[in-house]
């Protein structure tokens, strides 16, 4: 039985073919550094669902991870965490 996607999962799916941005997650590997600097294009629905699941997993484990449409939104969100 399939469940209705959450609003956040719909957000990821609606950005297929678009570039999204995220905050640093503590990983210093070249791939993560490139994604933080340049964003990441969502290729297809499977990729969108993977990113959604990853965001959920990191946050459940206490590591703040959030994807946004712009780098500015990332910075604004980070500022709210520091207050």
Protein backbone atom coordinates (compact mmCIF):
# COMPACT_ATOMS: atom_id res chain seq x y z
CA UNK A 1 0.00 0.00 0.00
CA UNK A 2 1.45 3.36 -0.98
CA UNK A 3 1.12 6.41 1.21
CA UNK A 4 0.47 10.00 0.19
CA UNK A 5 3.74 11.98 -0.12
CA UNK A 6 4.35 14.59 2.56
CA UNK A 7 4.45 18.28 1.66
CA UNK A 8 8.24 18.18 1.96
CA UNK A 9 8.49 15.18 -0.35
CA UNK A 10 6.25 17.01 -2.84
CA UNK A 11 8.64 19.98 -2.57
CA UNK A 12 11.55 17.80 -3.70
CA UNK A 13 9.53 16.22 -6.51
CA UNK A 14 8.39 19.60 -7.82
CA UNK A 15 12.04 20.58 -8.31
CA UNK A 16 13.03 17.75 -10.64
CA UNK A 17 15.30 19.27 -13.29
CA UNK A 18 16.13 22.23 -11.06
CA UNK A 19 19.13 23.03 -8.88
CA UNK A 20 18.67 23.16 -5.12
CA UNK A 21 21.08 24.14 -2.34
CA UNK A 22 21.82 22.89 1.16
CA UNK A 23 23.77 23.69 4.25
CA UNK A 24 27.01 21.96 5.26
CA UNK A 25 26.51 18.72 7.14
CA UNK A 26 29.97 18.27 8.60
CA UNK A 27 31.30 16.15 5.74
CA UNK A 28 34.38 17.59 4.06
CA UNK A 29 34.54 15.24 1.07
CA UNK A 30 34.87 16.80 -2.40
CA UNK A 31 31.33 15.82 -3.41
CA UNK A 32 29.72 17.46 -0.38
CA UNK A 33 31.90 20.55 -0.76
CA UNK A 34 30.84 20.84 -4.41
CA UNK A 35 27.15 20.43 -3.55
CA UNK A 36 27.33 23.12 -0.84
CA UNK A 37 29.15 25.50 -3.19
CA UNK A 38 27.24 24.88 -6.43
CA UNK A 39 23.99 23.20 -5.54
CA UNK A 40 22.61 19.94 -6.86
CA UNK A 41 20.25 19.28 -9.75
CA UNK A 42 17.48 16.80 -9.00
CA UNK A 43 17.57 14.31 -11.88
CA UNK A 44 14.32 12.37 -11.47
CA UNK A 45 11.70 11.21 -8.97
CA UNK A 46 13.98 8.52 -7.52
CA UNK A 47 16.66 11.14 -6.88
CA UNK A 48 14.08 13.51 -5.35
CA UNK A 49 12.87 10.79 -2.99
CA UNK A 50 16.46 9.87 -2.09
CA UNK A 51 17.25 13.49 -1.17
CA UNK A 52 14.04 13.71 0.86
CA UNK A 53 14.91 10.50 2.73
CA UNK A 54 18.47 11.69 3.33
CA UNK A 55 17.27 15.01 4.73
CA UNK A 56 14.90 13.16 7.07
CA UNK A 57 17.58 10.69 8.19
CA UNK A 58 20.14 13.38 8.98
CA UNK A 59 17.64 15.42 10.98
CA UNK A 60 16.42 12.34 12.86
CA UNK A 61 20.06 11.68 13.79
CA UNK A 62 20.44 15.23 15.11
CA UNK A 63 22.38 16.65 12.15
CA UNK A 64 20.61 19.71 10.75
CA UNK A 65 20.29 19.30 6.97
CA UNK A 66 17.90 21.29 4.81
CA UNK A 67 17.59 21.90 1.08
CA UNK A 68 16.41 25.21 -0.39
CA UNK A 69 15.84 26.91 -3.74
CA UNK A 70 18.61 29.49 -3.23
CA UNK A 71 21.85 29.94 -1.30
CA UNK A 72 20.29 33.02 0.30
CA UNK A 73 17.55 30.85 1.81
CA UNK A 74 20.22 28.51 3.18
CA UNK A 75 22.00 31.43 4.86
CA UNK A 76 18.76 32.83 6.28
CA UNK A 77 17.87 29.43 7.74
CA UNK A 78 21.34 29.06 9.25
CA UNK A 79 20.97 32.49 10.88
CA UNK A 80 17.75 31.34 12.58
CA UNK A 81 19.57 28.32 14.02
CA UNK A 82 22.26 30.50 15.55
CA UNK A 83 19.81 32.73 17.45
